[in-house]
Amino acid sequence: AARIDHLPEGKGLLGAIIDDPRPVRLAEISSDARSSGFPANHPPMT
């Protein structure tokens, strides 16, 4: 956690859920158009 450039600020996929507060379930995060990727040194997540 200390090596990650910055914690999420509510943009990308997280921001989309904030703007439209409904449950979201994804098999692969990167496949969603709203995903903006992860900051440097962030562990991979699916």
ModelCIF file with pLDDT and N, C-alpha, C, O atoms, coordinates in Angstrom:
data_MODEL
#
_entry.id   MODEL 
#
_entity.id                         1 
_entity.type                       polymer 
_entity.pdbx_number_of_molecules   1 
#
_entity_poly.entity_id                      1 
_entity_poly.type                           'polypeptide(L)' 
_entity_poly.nstd_linkage                   no 
_entity_poly.nstd_monomer                   no 
_entity_poly.pdbx_seq_one_letter_code       AARIDHLPEGKGLLGAIIDDPRPVRLAEISSDARSSGFPANHPPMT 
_entity_poly.pdbx_seq_one_letter_code_can   AARIDHLPEGKGLLGAIIDDPRPVRLAEISSDARSSGFPANHPPMT 
_entity_poly.pdbx_strand_id                 A 
#
loop_
_entity_poly_seq.entity_id 
_entity_poly_seq.num 
_entity_poly_seq.mon_id 
_entity_poly_seq.hetero 
1 1  ALA n 
1 2  ALA n 
1 3  ARG n 
1 4  ILE n 
1 5  ASP n 
1 6  HIS n 
1 7  LEU n 
1 8  PRO n 
1 9  GLU n 
1 10 GLY n 
1 11 LYS n 
1 12 GLY n 
1 13 LEU n 
1 14 LEU n 
1 15 GLY n 
1 16 ALA n 
1 17 ILE n 
1 18 ILE n 
1 19 ASP n 
1 20 ASP n 
1 21 PRO n 
1 22 ARG n 
1 23 PRO n 
1 24 VAL n 
1 25 ARG n 
1 26 LEU n 
1 27 ALA n 
1 28 GLU n 
1 29 ILE n 
1 30 SER n 
1 31 SER n 
1 32 ASP n 
1 33 ALA n 
1 34 ARG n 
1 35 SER n 
1 36 SER n 
1 37 GLY n 
1 38 PHE n 
1 39 PRO n 
1 40 ALA n 
1 41 ASN n 
1 42 HIS n 
1 43 PRO n 
1 44 PRO n 
1 45 MET n 
1 46 THR n 
#
_struct_asym.id          A 
_struct_asym.entity_id   1 
#
loop_
_ma_qa_metric.id 
_ma_qa_metric.mode 
_ma_qa_metric.name 
_ma_qa_metric.software_group_id 
_ma_qa_metric.type 
1 global pLDDT . pLDDT 
2 local  pLDDT . pLDDT 
#
_ma_qa_metric_global.metric_id      1 
_ma_qa_metric_global.metric_value   84.72 
_ma_qa_metric_global.model_id       1 
_ma_qa_metric_global.ordinal_id     1 
#
loop_
_ma_qa_metric_local.label_asym_id 
_ma_qa_metric_local.label_comp_id 
_ma_qa_metric_local.label_seq_id 
_ma_qa_metric_local.metric_id 
_ma_qa_metric_local.metric_value 
_ma_qa_metric_local.model_id 
_ma_qa_metric_local.ordinal_id 
A ALA 1  2 81.00 1 1  
A ALA 2  2 83.00 1 2  
A ARG 3  2 84.00 1 3  
A ILE 4  2 84.00 1 4  
A ASP 5  2 72.00 1 5  
A HIS 6  2 75.00 1 6  
A LEU 7  2 74.00 1 7  
A PRO 8  2 78.00 1 8  
A GLU 9  2 74.00 1 9  
A GLY 10 2 76.00 1 10 
A LYS 11 2 81.00 1 11 
A GLY 12 2 84.00 1 12 
A LEU 13 2 87.00 1 13 
A LEU 14 2 87.00 1 14 
A GLY 15 2 85.00 1 15 
A ALA 16 2 86.00 1 16 
A ILE 17 2 87.00 1 17 
A ILE 18 2 88.00 1 18 
A ASP 19 2 88.00 1 19 
A ASP 20 2 90.00 1 20 
A PRO 21 2 92.00 1 21 
A ARG 22 2 93.00 1 22 
A PRO 23 2 94.00 1 23 
A VAL 24 2 94.00 1 24 
A ARG 25 2 96.00 1 25 
A LEU 26 2 95.00 1 26 
A ALA 27 2 94.00 1 27 
A GLU 28 2 94.00 1 28 
A ILE 29 2 92.00 1 29 
A SER 30 2 87.00 1 30 
A SER 31 2 88.00 1 31 
A ASP 32 2 86.00 1 32 
A ALA 33 2 85.00 1 33 
A ARG 34 2 85.00 1 34 
A SER 35 2 84.00 1 35 
A SER 36 2 76.00 1 36 
A GLY 37 2 74.00 1 37 
A PHE 38 2 78.00 1 38 
A PRO 39 2 71.00 1 39 
A ALA 40 2 78.00 1 40 
A ASN 41 2 78.00 1 41 
A HIS 42 2 83.00 1 42 
A PRO 43 2 86.00 1 43 
A PRO 44 2 87.00 1 44 
A MET 45 2 91.00 1 45 
A THR 46 2 92.00 1 46 
#
loop_
_atom_site.group_PDB 
_atom_site.id 
_atom_site.type_symbol 
_atom_site.label_atom_id 
_atom_site.label_alt_id 
_atom_site.label_comp_id 
_atom_site.label_asym_id 
_atom_site.label_entity_id 
_atom_site.label_seq_id 
_atom_site.pdbx_PDB_ins_code 
_atom_site.Cartn_x 
_atom_site.Cartn_y 
_atom_site.Cartn_z 
_atom_site.occupancy 
_atom_site.B_iso_or_equiv 
_atom_site.pdbx_formal_charge 
_atom_site.auth_seq_id 
_atom_site.auth_comp_id 
_atom_site.auth_asym_id 
_atom_site.auth_atom_id 
_atom_site.pdbx_PDB_model_num 
ATOM 1   N N  . ALA A 1 1  ? 0.830   -1.211  0.000   1.00 81.00 ? 1  ALA A N  1 
ATOM 2   C CA . ALA A 1 1  ? 0.000   0.000   0.000   1.00 81.00 ? 1  ALA A CA 1 
ATOM 3   C C  . ALA A 1 1  ? 0.861   1.256   0.000   1.00 81.00 ? 1  ALA A C  1 
ATOM 4   O O  . ALA A 1 1  ? 0.506   2.253   -0.629  1.00 81.00 ? 1  ALA A O  1 
ATOM 5   N N  . ALA A 1 2  ? 1.991   1.214   0.703   1.00 83.00 ? 2  ALA A N  1 
ATOM 6   C CA . ALA A 1 2  ? 2.858   2.395   0.795   1.00 83.00 ? 2  ALA A CA 1 
ATOM 7   C C  . ALA A 1 2  ? 3.510   2.738   -0.539  1.00 83.00 ? 2  ALA A C  1 
ATOM 8   O O  . ALA A 1 2  ? 3.865   3.892   -0.779  1.00 83.00 ? 2  ALA A O  1 
ATOM 9   N N  . ARG A 1 3  ? 3.670   1.734   -1.414  1.00 84.00 ? 3  ARG A N  1 
ATOM 10  C CA . ARG A 1 3  ? 4.341   1.978   -2.695  1.00 84.00 ? 3  ARG A CA 1 
ATOM 11  C C  . ARG A 1 3  ? 3.400   2.513   -3.774  1.00 84.00 ? 3  ARG A C  1 
ATOM 12  O O  . ARG A 1 3  ? 3.851   2.975   -4.823  1.00 84.00 ? 3  ARG A O  1 
ATOM 13  N N  . ILE A 1 4  ? 2.088   2.449   -3.515  1.00 84.00 ? 4  ILE A N  1 
ATOM 14  C CA . ILE A 1 4  ? 1.128   2.934   -4.513  1.00 84.00 ? 4  ILE A CA 1 
ATOM 15  C C  . ILE A 1 4  ? 1.200   4.456   -4.577  1.00 84.00 ? 4  ILE A C  1 
ATOM 16  O O  . ILE A 1 4  ? 1.272   5.127   -3.548  1.00 84.00 ? 4  ILE A O  1 
ATOM 17  N N  . ASP A 1 5  ? 1.179   4.989   -5.791  1.00 72.00 ? 5  ASP A N  1 
ATOM 18  C CA . ASP A 1 5  ? 1.318   6.433   -5.985  1.00 72.00 ? 5  ASP A CA 1 
ATOM 19  C C  . ASP A 1 5  ? 0.286   7.218   -5.186  1.00 72.00 ? 5  ASP A C  1 
ATOM 20  O O  . ASP A 1 5  ? 0.633   8.190   -4.515  1.00 72.00 ? 5  ASP A O  1 
ATOM 21  N N  . HIS A 1 6  ? -0.974  6.809   -5.250  1.00 75.00 ? 6  HIS A N  1 
ATOM 22  C CA . HIS A 1 6  ? -2.026  7.494   -4.500  1.00 75.00 ? 6  HIS A CA 1 
ATOM 23  C C  . HIS A 1 6  ? -3.226  6.565   -4.369  1.00 75.00 ? 6  HIS A C  1 
ATOM 24  O O  . HIS A 1 6  ? -3.455  5.702   -5.217  1.00 75.00 ? 6  HIS A O  1 
ATOM 25  N N  . LEU A 1 7  ? -3.987  6.752   -3.295  1.00 74.00 ? 7  LEU A N  1 
ATOM 26  C CA . LEU A 1 7  ? -5.197  5.971   -3.110  1.00 74.00 ? 7  LEU A CA 1 
ATOM 27  C C  . LEU A 1 7  ? -6.280  6.479   -4.060  1.00 74.00 ? 7  LEU A C  1 
ATOM 28  O O  . LEU A 1 7  ? -6.211  7.627   -4.500  1.00 74.00 ? 7  LEU A O  1 
ATOM 29  N N  . PRO A 1 8  ? -7.279  5.657   -4.387  1.00 78.00 ? 8  PRO A N  1 
ATOM 30  C CA . PRO A 1 8  ? -8.345  6.102   -5.287  1.00 78.00 ? 8  PRO A CA 1 
ATOM 31  C C  . PRO A 1 8  ? -9.037  7.367   -4.782  1.00 78.00 ? 8  PRO A C  1 
ATOM 32  O O  . PRO A 1 8  ? -9.213  7.566   -3.580  1.00 78.00 ? 8  PRO A O  1 
ATOM 33  N N  . GLU A 1 9  ? -9.419  8.202   -5.723  1.00 74.00 ? 9  GLU A N  1 
ATOM 34  C CA . GLU A 1 9  ? -10.064 9.470   -5.395  1.00 74.00 ? 9  GLU A CA 1 
ATOM 35  C C  . GLU A 1 9  ? -11.522 9.509   -5.840  1.00 74.00 ? 9  GLU A C  1 
ATOM 36  O O  . GLU A 1 9  ? -12.196 10.527  -5.685  1.00 74.00 ? 9  GLU A O  1 
ATOM 37  N N  . GLY A 1 10 ? -12.007 8.399   -6.393  1.00 76.00 ? 10 GLY A N  1 
ATOM 38  C CA . GLY A 1 10 ? -13.394 8.365   -6.831  1.00 76.00 ? 10 GLY A CA 1 
ATOM 39  C C  . GLY A 1 10 ? -13.555 8.664   -8.301  1.00 76.00 ? 10 GLY A C  1 
ATOM 40  O O  . GLY A 1 10 ? -14.537 9.285   -8.707  1.00 76.00 ? 10 GLY A O  1 
ATOM 41  N N  . LYS A 1 11 ? -12.598 8.226   -9.109  1.00 81.00 ? 11 LYS A N  1 
ATOM 42  C CA . LYS A 1 11 ? -12.675 8.428   -10.558 1.00 81.00 ? 11 LYS A CA 1 
ATOM 43  C C  . LYS A 1 11 ? -12.819 7.064   -11.232 1.00 81.00 ? 11 LYS A C  1 
ATOM 44  O O  . LYS A 1 11 ? -12.815 6.029   -10.565 1.00 81.00 ? 11 LYS A O  1 
ATOM 45  N N  . GLY A 1 12 ? -12.946 7.072   -12.559 1.00 84.00 ? 12 GLY A N  1 
ATOM 46  C CA . GLY A 1 12 ? -13.043 5.818   -13.287 1.00 84.00 ? 12 GLY A CA 1 
ATOM 47  C C  . GLY A 1 12 ? -14.250 5.012   -12.858 1.00 84.00 ? 12 GLY A C  1 
ATOM 48  O O  . GLY A 1 12 ? -15.344 5.552   -12.694 1.00 84.00 ? 12 GLY A O  1 
ATOM 49  N N  . LEU A 1 13 ? -14.046 3.704   -12.674 1.00 87.00 ? 13 LEU A N  1 
ATOM 50  C CA . LEU A 1 13 ? -15.134 2.806   -12.289 1.00 87.00 ? 13 LEU A CA 1 
ATOM 51  C C  . LEU A 1 13 ? -15.723 3.195   -10.938 1.00 87.00 ? 13 LEU A C  1 
ATOM 52  O O  . LEU A 1 13 ? -16.941 3.189   -10.764 1.00 87.00 ? 13 LEU A O  1 
ATOM 53  N N  . LEU A 1 14 ? -14.864 3.531   -9.988  1.00 87.00 ? 14 LEU A N  1 
ATOM 54  C CA . LEU A 1 14 ? -15.363 3.924   -8.667  1.00 87.00 ? 14 LEU A CA 1 
ATOM 55  C C  . LEU A 1 14 ? -16.211 5.191   -8.764  1.00 87.00 ? 14 LEU A C  1 
ATOM 56  O O  . LEU A 1 14 ? -17.236 5.316   -8.095  1.00 87.00 ? 14 LEU A O  1 
ATOM 57  N N  . GLY A 1 15 ? -15.778 6.112   -9.591  1.00 85.00 ? 15 GLY A N  1 
ATOM 58  C CA . GLY A 1 15 ? -16.538 7.341   -9.782  1.00 85.00 ? 15 GLY A CA 1 
ATOM 59  C C  . GLY A 1 15 ? -17.876 7.077   -10.443 1.00 85.00 ? 15 GLY A C  1 
ATOM 60  O O  . GLY A 1 15 ? -18.869 7.728   -10.120 1.00 85.00 ? 15 GLY A O  1 
ATOM 61  N N  . ALA A 1 16 ? -17.911 6.119   -11.375 1.00 86.00 ? 16 ALA A N  1 
ATOM 62  C CA . ALA A 1 16 ? -19.162 5.778   -12.053 1.00 86.00 ? 16 ALA A CA 1 
ATOM 63  C C  . ALA A 1 16 ? -20.190 5.238   -11.060 1.00 86.00 ? 16 ALA A C  1 
ATOM 64  O O  . ALA A 1 16 ? -21.380 5.536   -11.165 1.00 86.00 ? 16 ALA A O  1 
ATOM 65  N N  . ILE A 1 17 ? -19.725 4.447   -10.099 1.00 87.00 ? 17 ILE A N  1 
ATOM 66  C CA . ILE A 1 17 ? -20.638 3.907   -9.088  1.00 87.00 ? 17 ILE A CA 1 
ATOM 67  C C  . ILE A 1 17 ? -21.118 5.016   -8.161  1.00 87.00 ? 17 ILE A C  1 
ATOM 68  O O  . ILE A 1 17 ? -22.259 4.990   -7.699  1.00 87.00 ? 17 ILE A O  1 
ATOM 69  N N  . ILE A 1 18 ? -20.263 5.982   -7.890  1.00 88.00 ? 18 ILE A N  1 
ATOM 70  C CA . ILE A 1 18 ? -20.675 7.126   -7.066  1.00 88.00 ? 18 ILE A CA 1 
ATOM 71  C C  . ILE A 1 18 ? -21.762 7.922   -7.793  1.00 88.00 ? 18 ILE A C  1 
ATOM 72  O O  . ILE A 1 18 ? -22.761 8.314   -7.191  1.00 88.00 ? 18 ILE A O  1 
ATOM 73  N N  . ASP A 1 19 ? -21.556 8.155   -9.092  1.00 88.00 ? 19 ASP A N  1 
ATOM 74  C CA . ASP A 1 19 ? -22.512 8.946   -9.867  1.00 88.00 ? 19 ASP A CA 1 
ATOM 75  C C  . ASP A 1 19 ? -23.826 8.196   -10.110 1.00 88.00 ? 19 ASP A C  1 
ATOM 76  O O  . ASP A 1 19 ? -24.889 8.809   -10.201 1.00 88.00 ? 19 ASP A O  1 
ATOM 77  N N  . ASP A 1 20 ? -23.744 6.889   -10.213 1.00 90.00 ? 20 ASP A N  1 
ATOM 78  C CA . ASP A 1 20 ? -24.931 6.060   -10.440 1.00 90.00 ? 20 ASP A CA 1 
ATOM 79  C C  . ASP A 1 20 ? -24.909 4.927   -9.422  1.00 90.00 ? 20 ASP A C  1 
ATOM 80  O O  . ASP A 1 20 ? -24.475 3.818   -9.737  1.00 90.00 ? 20 ASP A O  1 
ATOM 81  N N  . PRO A 1 21 ? -25.379 5.200   -8.185  1.00 92.00 ? 21 PRO A N  1 
ATOM 82  C CA . PRO A 1 21 ? -25.200 4.253   -7.070  1.00 92.00 ? 21 PRO A CA 1 
ATOM 83  C C  . PRO A 1 21 ? -26.074 3.001   -7.174  1.00 92.00 ? 21 PRO A C  1 
ATOM 84  O O  . PRO A 1 21 ? -27.112 2.883   -6.523  1.00 92.00 ? 21 PRO A O  1 
ATOM 85  N N  . ARG A 1 22 ? -25.615 2.074   -8.016  1.00 93.00 ? 22 ARG A N  1 
ATOM 86  C CA . ARG A 1 22 ? -26.253 0.774   -8.138  1.00 93.00 ? 22 ARG A CA 1 
ATOM 87  C C  . ARG A 1 22 ? -25.177 -0.304  -8.061  1.00 93.00 ? 22 ARG A C  1 
ATOM 88  O O  . ARG A 1 22 ? -24.022 -0.049  -8.400  1.00 93.00 ? 22 ARG A O  1 
ATOM 89  N N  . PRO A 1 23 ? -25.546 -1.512  -7.617  1.00 94.00 ? 23 PRO A N  1 
ATOM 90  C CA . PRO A 1 23 ? -24.547 -2.583  -7.539  1.00 94.00 ? 23 PRO A CA 1 
ATOM 91  C C  . PRO A 1 23 ? -23.916 -2.879  -8.894  1.00 94.00 ? 23 PRO A C  1 
ATOM 92  O O  . PRO A 1 23 ? -24.588 -2.864  -9.925  1.00 94.00 ? 23 PRO A O  1 
ATOM 93  N N  . VAL A 1 24 ? -22.617 -3.149  -8.871  1.00 94.00 ? 24 VAL A N  1 
ATOM 94  C CA . VAL A 1 24 ? -21.882 -3.521  -10.082 1.00 94.00 ? 24 VAL A CA 1 
ATOM 95  C C  . VAL A 1 24 ? -21.097 -4.790  -9.785  1.00 94.00 ? 24 VAL A C  1 
ATOM 96  O O  . VAL A 1 24 ? -20.404 -4.881  -8.772  1.00 94.00 ? 24 VAL A O  1 
ATOM 97  N N  . ARG A 1 25 ? -21.215 -5.774  -10.684 1.00 96.00 ? 25 ARG A N  1 
ATOM 98  C CA . ARG A 1 25 ? -20.454 -7.021  -10.539 1.00 96.00 ? 25 ARG A CA 1 
ATOM 99  C C  . ARG A 1 25 ? -19.768 -7.302  -11.868 1.00 96.00 ? 25 ARG A C  1 
ATOM 100 O O  . ARG A 1 25 ? -20.411 -7.338  -12.917 1.00 96.00 ? 25 ARG A O  1 
ATOM 101 N N  . LEU A 1 26 ? -18.446 -7.503  -11.809 1.00 95.00 ? 26 LEU A N  1 
ATOM 102 C CA . LEU A 1 26 ? -17.664 -7.721  -13.017 1.00 95.00 ? 26 LEU A CA 1 
ATOM 103 C C  . LEU A 1 26 ? -16.776 -8.960  -12.867 1.00 95.00 ? 26 LEU A C  1 
ATOM 104 O O  . LEU A 1 26 ? -16.193 -9.193  -11.808 1.00 95.00 ? 26 LEU A O  1 
ATOM 105 N N  . ALA A 1 27 ? -16.685 -9.737  -13.926 1.00 94.00 ? 27 ALA A N  1 
ATOM 106 C CA . ALA A 1 27 ? -15.742 -10.863 -13.934 1.00 94.00 ? 27 ALA A CA 1 
ATOM 107 C C  . ALA A 1 27 ? -14.322 -10.366 -14.171 1.00 94.00 ? 27 ALA A C  1 
ATOM 108 O O  . ALA A 1 27 ? -13.358 -10.980 -13.714 1.00 94.00 ? 27 ALA A O  1 
ATOM 109 N N  . GLU A 1 28 ? -14.196 -9.253  -14.887 1.00 94.00 ? 28 GLU A N  1 
ATOM 110 C CA . GLU A 1 28 ? -12.879 -8.691  -15.211 1.00 94.00 ? 28 GLU A CA 1 
ATOM 111 C C  . GLU A 1 28 ? -12.984 -7.169  -15.217 1.00 94.00 ? 28 GLU A C  1 
ATOM 112 O O  . GLU A 1 28 ? -13.675 -6.591  -16.056 1.00 94.00 ? 28 GLU A O  1 
ATOM 113 N N  . ILE A 1 29 ? -12.300 -6.529  -14.284 1.00 92.00 ? 29 ILE A N  1 
ATOM 114 C CA . ILE A 1 29 ? -12.377 -5.074  -14.156 1.00 92.00 ? 29 ILE A CA 1 
ATOM 115 C C  . ILE A 1 29 ? -11.959 -4.376  -15.440 1.00 92.00 ? 29 ILE A C  1 
ATOM 116 O O  . ILE A 1 29 ? -12.603 -3.418  -15.868 1.00 92.00 ? 29 ILE A O  1 
ATOM 117 N N  . SER A 1 30 ? -10.881 -4.853  -16.056 1.00 87.00 ? 30 SER A N  1 
ATOM 118 C CA . SER A 1 30 ? -10.329 -4.167  -17.224 1.00 87.00 ? 30 SER A CA 1 
ATOM 119 C C  . SER A 1 30 ? -11.251 -4.222  -18.432 1.00 87.00 ? 30 SER A C  1 
ATOM 120 O O  . SER A 1 30 ? -11.082 -3.453  -19.378 1.00 87.00 ? 30 SER A O  1 
ATOM 121 N N  . SER A 1 31 ? -12.236 -5.138  -18.407 1.00 88.00 ? 31 SER A N  1 
ATOM 122 C CA . SER A 1 31 ? -13.145 -5.261  -19.545 1.00 88.00 ? 31 SER A CA 1 
ATOM 123 C C  . SER A 1 31 ? -14.237 -4.199  -19.530 1.00 88.00 ? 31 SER A C  1 
ATOM 124 O O  . SER A 1 31 ? -14.939 -4.024  -20.526 1.00 88.00 ? 31 SER A O  1 
ATOM 125 N N  . ASP A 1 32 ? -14.389 -3.493  -18.425 1.00 86.00 ? 32 ASP A N  1 
ATOM 126 C CA . ASP A 1 32 ? -15.437 -2.475  -18.315 1.00 86.00 ? 32 ASP A CA 1 
ATOM 127 C C  . ASP A 1 32 ? -14.924 -1.140  -18.857 1.00 86.00 ? 32 ASP A C  1 
ATOM 128 O O  . ASP A 1 32 ? -13.824 -0.700  -18.522 1.00 86.00 ? 32 ASP A O  1 
ATOM 129 N N  . ALA A 1 33 ? -15.729 -0.518  -19.687 1.00 85.00 ? 33 ALA A N  1 
ATOM 130 C CA . ALA A 1 33 ? -15.309 0.741   -20.327 1.00 85.00 ? 33 ALA A CA 1 
ATOM 131 C C  . ALA A 1 33 ? -15.076 1.857   -19.321 1.00 85.00 ? 33 ALA A C  1 
ATOM 132 O O  . ALA A 1 33 ? -14.347 2.809   -19.600 1.00 85.00 ? 33 ALA A O  1 
ATOM 133 N N  . ARG A 1 34 ? -15.696 1.741   -18.150 1.00 85.00 ? 34 ARG A N  1 
ATOM 134 C CA . ARG A 1 34 ? -15.553 2.790   -17.138 1.00 85.00 ? 34 ARG A CA 1 
ATOM 135 C C  . ARG A 1 34 ? -14.247 2.687   -16.365 1.00 85.00 ? 34 ARG A C  1 
ATOM 136 O O  . ARG A 1 34 ? -13.870 3.623   -15.660 1.00 85.00 ? 34 ARG A O  1 
ATOM 137 N N  . SER A 1 35 ? -13.558 1.569   -16.489 1.00 84.00 ? 35 SER A N  1 
ATOM 138 C CA . SER A 1 35 ? -12.316 1.372   -15.748 1.00 84.00 ? 35 SER A CA 1 
ATOM 139 C C  . SER A 1 35 ? -11.199 2.236   -16.338 1.00 84.00 ? 35 SER A C  1 
ATOM 140 O O  . SER A 1 35 ? -10.994 2.277   -17.551 1.00 84.00 ? 35 SER A O  1 
ATOM 141 N N  . SER A 1 36 ? -10.484 2.924   -15.443 1.00 76.00 ? 36 SER A N  1 
ATOM 142 C CA . SER A 1 36 ? -9.375  3.774   -15.890 1.00 76.00 ? 36 SER A CA 1 
ATOM 143 C C  . SER A 1 36 ? -8.023  3.186   -15.519 1.00 76.00 ? 36 SER A C  1 
ATOM 144 O O  . SER A 1 36 ? -7.004  3.876   -15.569 1.00 76.00 ? 36 SER A O  1 
ATOM 145 N N  . GLY A 1 37 ? -8.014  1.900   -15.144 1.00 74.00 ? 37 GLY A N  1 
ATOM 146 C CA . GLY A 1 37 ? -6.758  1.257   -14.787 1.00 74.00 ? 37 GLY A CA 1 
ATOM 147 C C  . GLY A 1 37 ? -6.352  1.543   -13.353 1.00 74.00 ? 37 GLY A C  1 
ATOM 148 O O  . GLY A 1 37 ? -7.084  2.189   -12.603 1.00 74.00 ? 37 GLY A O  1 
ATOM 149 N N  . PHE A 1 38 ? -5.184  1.059   -12.984 1.00 78.00 ? 38 PHE A N  1 
ATOM 150 C CA . PHE A 1 38 ? -4.687  1.201   -11.623 1.00 78.00 ? 38 PHE A CA 1 
ATOM 151 C C  . PHE A 1 38 ? -3.455  2.102   -11.607 1.00 78.00 ? 38 PHE A C  1 
ATOM 152 O O  . PHE A 1 38 ? -2.715  2.173   -12.588 1.00 78.00 ? 38 PHE A O  1 
ATOM 153 N N  . PRO A 1 39 ? -3.240  2.793   -10.477 1.00 71.00 ? 39 PRO A N  1 
ATOM 154 C CA . PRO A 1 39 ? -2.018  3.609   -10.366 1.00 71.00 ? 39 PRO A CA 1 
ATOM 155 C C  . PRO A 1 39 ? -0.780  2.715   -10.296 1.00 71.00 ? 39 PRO A C  1 
ATOM 156 O O  . PRO A 1 39 ? -0.880  1.503   -10.108 1.00 71.00 ? 39 PRO A O  1 
ATOM 157 N N  . ALA A 1 40 ? 0.380   3.339   -10.452 1.00 78.00 ? 40 ALA A N  1 
ATOM 158 C CA . ALA A 1 40 ? 1.651   2.598   -10.405 1.00 78.00 ? 40 ALA A CA 1 
ATOM 159 C C  . ALA A 1 40 ? 1.788   1.846   -9.089  1.00 78.00 ? 40 ALA A C  1 
ATOM 160 O O  . ALA A 1 40 ? 1.416   2.354   -8.031  1.00 78.00 ? 40 ALA A O  1 
ATOM 161 N N  . ASN A 1 41 ? 2.326   0.634   -9.164  1.00 78.00 ? 41 ASN A N  1 
ATOM 162 C CA . ASN A 1 41 ? 2.621   -0.229  -8.012  1.00 78.00 ? 41 ASN A CA 1 
ATOM 163 C C  . ASN A 1 41 ? 1.373   -0.825  -7.358  1.00 78.00 ? 41 ASN A C  1 
ATOM 164 O O  . ASN A 1 41 ? 1.462   -1.436  -6.293  1.00 78.00 ? 41 ASN A O  1 
ATOM 165 N N  . HIS A 1 42 ? 0.210   -0.650  -7.991  1.00 83.00 ? 42 HIS A N  1 
ATOM 166 C CA . HIS A 1 42 ? -1.024  -1.234  -7.455  1.00 83.00 ? 42 HIS A CA 1 
ATOM 167 C C  . HIS A 1 42 ? -1.057  -2.718  -7.813  1.00 83.00 ? 42 HIS A C  1 
ATOM 168 O O  . HIS A 1 42 ? -0.737  -3.073  -8.948  1.00 83.00 ? 42 HIS A O  1 
ATOM 169 N N  . PRO A 1 43 ? -1.437  -3.603  -6.872  1.00 86.00 ? 43 PRO A N  1 
ATOM 170 C CA . PRO A 1 43 ? -1.500  -5.030  -7.209  1.00 86.00 ? 43 PRO A CA 1 
ATOM 171 C C  . PRO A 1 43 ? -2.579  -5.289  -8.264  1.00 86.00 ? 43 PRO A C  1 
ATOM 172 O O  . PRO A 1 43 ? -3.596  -4.596  -8.280  1.00 86.00 ? 43 PRO A O  1 
ATOM 173 N N  . PRO A 1 44 ? -2.377  -6.270  -9.140  1.00 87.00 ? 44 PRO A N  1 
ATOM 174 C CA . PRO A 1 44 ? -3.396  -6.585  -10.152 1.00 87.00 ? 44 PRO A CA 1 
ATOM 175 C C  . PRO A 1 44 ? -4.668  -7.101  -9.499  1.00 87.00 ? 44 PRO A C  1 
ATOM 176 O O  . PRO A 1 44 ? -4.616  -7.834  -8.511  1.00 87.00 ? 44 PRO A O  1 
ATOM 177 N N  . MET A 1 45 ? -5.817  -6.712  -10.058 1.00 91.00 ? 45 MET A N  1 
ATOM 178 C CA . MET A 1 45 ? -7.113  -7.155  -9.549  1.00 91.00 ? 45 MET A CA 1 
ATOM 179 C C  . MET A 1 45 ? -7.986  -7.511  -10.741 1.00 91.00 ? 45 MET A C  1 
ATOM 180 O O  . MET A 1 45 ? -7.922  -6.866  -11.787 1.00 91.00 ? 45 MET A O  1 
ATOM 181 N N  . THR A 1 46 ? -8.808  -8.551  -10.569 1.00 92.00 ? 46 THR A N  1 
ATOM 182 C CA . THR A 1 46 ? -9.633  -9.010  -11.694 1.00 92.00 ? 46 THR A CA 1 
ATOM 183 C C  . THR A 1 46 ? -11.120 -8.814  -11.399 1.00 92.00 ? 46 THR A C  1 
ATOM 184 O O  . THR A 1 46 ? -11.964 -9.144  -12.233 1.00 92.00 ? 46 THR A O  1 
#
